[in-house]
Amino acid sequence: MRIAFECLDYTATERRMNAYYVEFARHRPGGSEPHAHAGAEFIYLLKGTLALAVDGEEHVLEEGDSVYFDSGAPHAYRRVGAPACAAIVVTTP
């Protein structure tokens, strides 16, 4: 799965979080590889439909939905359907 990240806070000094605009390409079977990192993650879905698996449980986000979770738990993304899918993703270190 190709995911395009654009950093929205690259000029900020002394960052306490990282903010990204993310475009999710058409999914491959199974979506992205599960991964984990320290901190927390917040996703606000701007357009499309996104399946988010956190610690083995899948949640489907629609345009306008948001979710906050412990990013230390294994998680993965999967775009659902053909329409474009984009989100604002904020992570903490």
Foldseek 3Di string as FASTA:
>chain_A
DDKDWDWPCVPDPPDQKTKTKIWDAAADVPADFWDADAFKKKKAKQAAKKWKAWLRDIDIDHHGDMDMGGRRTTMGMHGPDDDITIIMMMTGD
